[in-house]
Amino acid sequence: MHKLERPQAPACLAKYKHGQNNWGDVSSEEKLQIWQRLDEMQQKRCAYCESQINKDSENKDAHIEHFRQRSRCPQETFKWSNLFGSCNRQDSCGNHKDRLPPYDPADLIKMDEENPDDYFLFVADGTIALRKNLTERQKHRAEESLRVFNLNPQHGALRYMRKATVQGYLQTAEELVEMALKFDAEEWLPLLEEELNATKDLPFATAIRHIMMPF
């Protein structure tokens, strides 16, 4: 989960209105147009877990996700700010959220409006910790976001995928820490910036970045 910059809405959404249309009216071609803008925002990663999503004609790997569910907030069905691209993993992200009992969407961190970095710290073992010094309201929203999207399971594929990804960067992170302790910033900071730039669009980029920036 990381901060997303939402691009301009695809023009096709303007033709659909709540009360006159339903999501099934959106054609496959128009959904491709929506995906193009979502990919621009998410770099072909799930908006929630940041795993890579590879779309195909049958949408087996990903779906267009309504942050506020159509069943509970139908008035936002065609609202661009309510759409994200989600993986189709059944035990997390959009699919997990949509099977839960009612919850308050205002309790969730919305990635195109807030920076999840203010709430979460990704750890080398694949888990997600809460930042220190959060207010009670912030702590509740952070915990609720992890619960609703099931982003911090103690066991399961998502945790181990993150852990496996960051393992390859631990040695680099340790070397950068050693350099930071011994040398001035101009000696090591360009190396850190180079690594961050090279990994910024990779799956689980936030976990990589947090491992690379422990100081």
Protein backbone atom coordinates (compact mmCIF):
# COMPACT_ATOMS: atom_id res chain seq x y z
CA MET A 1 0.00 0.00 0.00
CA HIS A 2 1.56 3.28 -1.07
CA LYS A 3 0.65 6.80 -2.15
CA LEU A 4 -0.93 6.97 -5.59
CA GLU A 5 -1.30 9.97 -7.86
CA ARG A 6 -4.59 9.70 -9.72
CA PRO A 7 -4.48 10.75 -13.38
CA GLN A 8 -7.31 12.33 -15.33
CA ALA A 9 -10.48 10.27 -15.55
CA PRO A 10 -11.08 8.20 -18.69
CA ALA A 11 -13.67 9.95 -20.84
CA CYS A 12 -15.88 6.87 -21.10
CA LEU A 13 -17.03 7.14 -17.48
CA ALA A 14 -18.86 10.41 -18.15
CA LYS A 15 -21.57 8.68 -20.18
CA TYR A 16 -22.73 6.51 -17.27
CA LYS A 17 -25.00 7.69 -14.46
CA HIS A 18 -26.11 6.11 -11.21
CA GLY A 19 -29.79 5.26 -11.41
CA GLN A 20 -29.67 4.96 -15.19
CA ASN A 21 -26.86 2.46 -15.72
CA ASN A 22 -25.16 -0.39 -13.92
CA TRP A 23 -21.55 -1.61 -14.04
CA GLY A 24 -22.46 -4.31 -16.51
CA ASP A 25 -23.25 -1.62 -19.08
CA VAL A 26 -19.55 -0.69 -19.29
CA SER A 27 -18.15 -2.39 -22.39
CA SER A 28 -14.95 -4.45 -22.50
CA GLU A 29 -13.32 -1.76 -24.64
CA GLU A 30 -14.25 0.92 -22.11
CA LYS A 31 -12.90 -1.18 -19.26
CA LEU A 32 -9.61 -1.38 -21.16
CA GLN A 33 -9.60 2.42 -21.26
CA ILE A 34 -10.15 2.48 -17.50
CA TRP A 35 -7.34 -0.04 -17.03
CA GLN A 36 -4.98 2.15 -19.04
CA ARG A 37 -5.47 4.97 -16.55
CA LEU A 38 -5.26 2.60 -13.58
CA ASP A 39 -1.99 1.17 -14.92
CA GLU A 40 -0.69 4.71 -15.27
CA MET A 41 -1.46 5.26 -11.60
CA GLN A 42 -0.40 1.85 -10.26
CA GLN A 43 2.34 0.66 -12.68
CA LYS A 44 0.47 -2.66 -13.16
CA ARG A 45 0.49 -3.43 -9.46
CA CYS A 46 -2.40 -4.12 -7.13
CA ALA A 47 -3.43 -0.89 -5.42
CA TYR A 48 -3.53 -2.64 -2.05
CA CYS A 49 -0.86 -5.34 -1.77
CA GLU A 50 1.40 -4.06 -4.60
CA SER A 51 1.79 -7.48 -6.20
CA GLN A 52 2.11 -7.52 -9.97
CA ILE A 53 -1.14 -7.95 -11.85
CA ASN A 54 -1.22 -9.37 -15.37
CA LYS A 55 -4.57 -8.81 -17.00
CA ASP A 56 -5.96 -11.10 -19.68
CA SER A 57 -9.18 -11.29 -21.64
CA GLU A 58 -10.84 -13.33 -18.89
CA ASN A 59 -9.64 -11.07 -16.05
CA LYS A 60 -8.35 -14.05 -14.07
CA ASP A 61 -5.58 -12.08 -12.39
CA ALA A 62 -7.15 -8.69 -11.68
CA HIS A 63 -10.36 -6.70 -11.54
CA ILE A 64 -11.46 -3.08 -11.46
CA GLU A 65 -12.10 -2.48 -7.80
CA HIS A 66 -14.70 -0.22 -6.20
CA PHE A 67 -13.15 1.16 -3.02
CA ARG A 68 -16.65 1.89 -1.72
CA GLN A 69 -18.59 -1.18 -2.75
CA ARG A 70 -21.31 -0.97 -5.37
CA SER A 71 -23.67 -2.91 -3.15
CA ARG A 72 -23.33 -0.42 -0.29
CA CYS A 73 -22.51 2.81 -2.14
CA PRO A 74 -24.15 2.42 -5.59
CA GLN A 75 -24.01 6.17 -6.17
CA GLU A 76 -20.23 5.87 -6.53
CA THR A 77 -20.27 3.07 -9.12
CA PHE A 78 -18.99 5.31 -11.92
CA LYS A 79 -17.02 7.77 -9.83
CA TRP A 80 -13.40 7.78 -11.01
CA SER A 81 -12.00 8.48 -7.55
CA ASN A 82 -13.67 5.28 -6.33
CA LEU A 83 -11.90 2.97 -8.80
CA PHE A 84 -8.65 1.08 -8.31
CA GLY A 85 -7.06 -1.97 -9.87
CA SER A 86 -6.93 -4.98 -7.53
CA CYS A 87 -5.41 -8.42 -7.77
CA ASN A 88 -7.80 -11.36 -7.70
CA ARG A 89 -6.20 -12.98 -4.65
CA GLN A 90 -9.09 -14.41 -2.65
CA ASP A 91 -7.61 -13.99 0.83
CA SER A 92 -6.70 -10.30 0.58
CA CYS A 93 -7.33 -6.98 -1.17
CA GLY A 94 -10.59 -6.27 -3.02
CA ASN A 95 -12.04 -9.77 -2.99
CA HIS A 96 -11.44 -10.16 0.75
CA LYS A 97 -12.94 -6.74 1.47
CA ASP A 98 -16.12 -7.49 -0.47
CA ARG A 99 -16.87 -10.61 1.57
CA LEU A 100 -16.72 -8.88 4.96
CA PRO A 101 -19.67 -7.72 7.08
CA PRO A 102 -20.42 -3.98 6.87
CA TYR A 103 -17.67 -1.58 7.94
CA ASP A 104 -17.20 2.18 7.67
CA PRO A 105 -15.24 3.16 4.50
CA ALA A 106 -14.16 6.33 6.31
CA ASP A 107 -12.07 4.09 8.57
CA LEU A 108 -9.91 3.00 5.62
CA ILE A 109 -6.80 4.73 4.33
CA LYS A 110 -7.41 5.80 0.73
CA MET A 111 -4.14 5.74 -1.15
CA ASP A 112 -4.86 8.54 -3.64
CA GLU A 113 -5.80 10.91 -0.82
CA GLU A 114 -3.40 9.95 1.99
CA ASN A 115 0.12 8.60 2.24
CA PRO A 116 0.16 5.12 3.79
CA ASP A 117 3.80 5.77 4.75
CA ASP A 118 2.43 7.95 7.54
CA TYR A 119 0.79 4.87 9.06
CA PHE A 120 2.79 1.77 8.14
CA LEU A 121 6.31 0.39 8.31
CA PHE A 122 7.12 -2.71 6.25
CA VAL A 123 9.41 -5.16 8.04
CA ALA A 124 11.98 -7.64 6.70
CA ASP A 125 9.95 -10.67 7.82
CA GLY A 126 7.14 -9.69 5.44
CA THR A 127 4.84 -8.19 8.07
CA ILE A 128 3.60 -4.61 8.41
CA ALA A 129 4.03 -2.65 11.65
CA LEU A 130 2.24 0.52 12.68
CA ARG A 131 4.18 3.75 12.93
CA LYS A 132 4.85 5.03 16.42
CA ASN A 133 3.11 8.10 17.83
CA LEU A 134 -0.13 7.59 15.89
CA THR A 135 -3.23 9.10 17.46
CA GLU A 136 -5.95 6.68 18.57
CA ARG A 137 -7.97 7.57 15.47
CA GLN A 138 -4.98 7.04 13.19
CA LYS A 139 -4.15 3.74 14.87
CA HIS A 140 -7.73 2.54 14.44
CA ARG A 141 -7.76 3.47 10.74
CA ALA A 142 -4.40 1.78 10.17
CA GLU A 143 -5.53 -1.41 11.89
CA GLU A 144 -8.87 -1.38 10.10
CA SER A 145 -7.19 -0.96 6.72
CA LEU A 146 -4.93 -3.94 7.39
CA ARG A 147 -7.91 -5.98 8.57
CA VAL A 148 -10.34 -5.14 5.77
CA PHE A 149 -7.79 -5.81 3.02
CA ASN A 150 -6.03 -8.56 5.04
CA LEU A 151 -2.63 -7.08 4.19
CA ASN A 152 -0.80 -8.32 7.28
CA PRO A 153 -1.52 -12.06 7.66
CA GLN A 154 0.85 -13.91 9.98
CA HIS A 155 0.90 -16.76 7.50
CA GLY A 156 -0.01 -17.08 3.85
CA ALA A 157 1.26 -16.23 0.40
CA LEU A 158 1.21 -12.44 0.69
CA ARG A 159 3.54 -12.27 3.70
CA TYR A 160 5.99 -14.75 2.19
CA MET A 161 5.96 -13.01 -1.20
CA ARG A 162 6.96 -9.75 0.49
CA LYS A 163 9.58 -11.48 2.63
CA ALA A 164 11.11 -13.23 -0.38
CA THR A 165 11.21 -9.97 -2.31
CA VAL A 166 13.02 -7.93 0.35
CA GLN A 167 15.58 -10.64 1.12
CA GLY A 168 17.50 -9.69 -2.00
CA TYR A 169 17.92 -6.13 -0.73
CA LEU A 170 18.96 -6.75 2.87
CA GLN A 171 22.68 -6.87 2.13
CA THR A 172 22.50 -3.63 0.14
CA ALA A 173 20.59 -2.01 3.00
CA GLU A 174 23.22 -3.14 5.52
CA GLU A 175 26.01 -1.79 3.33
CA LEU A 176 24.25 1.57 3.04
CA VAL A 177 23.84 1.75 6.82
CA GLU A 178 27.56 1.09 7.26
CA MET A 179 28.38 3.80 4.72
CA ALA A 180 26.03 6.25 6.43
CA LEU A 181 27.81 5.68 9.73
CA LYS A 182 31.28 6.17 8.25
CA PHE A 183 30.91 8.73 5.47
CA ASP A 184 29.21 12.02 4.68
CA ALA A 185 25.86 11.95 2.89
CA GLU A 186 27.34 12.92 -0.47
CA GLU A 187 29.25 9.62 -0.42
CA TRP A 188 26.29 7.27 0.05
CA LEU A 189 23.11 9.21 -0.68
CA PRO A 190 23.50 9.00 -4.50
CA LEU A 191 23.80 5.20 -4.19
CA LEU A 192 20.61 5.04 -2.14
CA GLU A 193 18.75 7.26 -4.58
CA GLU A 194 19.94 5.10 -7.47
CA GLU A 195 18.64 1.94 -5.80
CA LEU A 196 15.30 3.55 -4.92
CA ASN A 197 14.81 4.82 -8.44
CA ALA A 198 15.60 1.38 -9.89
CA THR A 199 13.02 -0.34 -7.67
CA LYS A 200 10.23 2.25 -7.44
CA ASP A 201 7.96 0.52 -9.96
CA LEU A 202 8.64 -3.07 -8.91
CA PRO A 203 6.12 -5.30 -7.11
CA PHE A 204 6.25 -4.68 -3.34
CA ALA A 205 8.24 -1.49 -3.94
CA THR A 206 7.18 -0.01 -0.61
CA ALA A 207 8.54 -2.99 1.32
CA ILE A 208 11.81 -2.70 -0.62
CA ARG A 209 12.02 1.04 0.06
CA HIS A 210 11.40 0.64 3.78
CA ILE A 211 14.11 -2.01 4.01
CA MET A 212 16.51 0.23 2.08
CA MET A 213 15.80 3.26 4.27
CA PRO A 214 16.13 2.07 7.89
CA PHE A 215 17.66 5.37 8.96
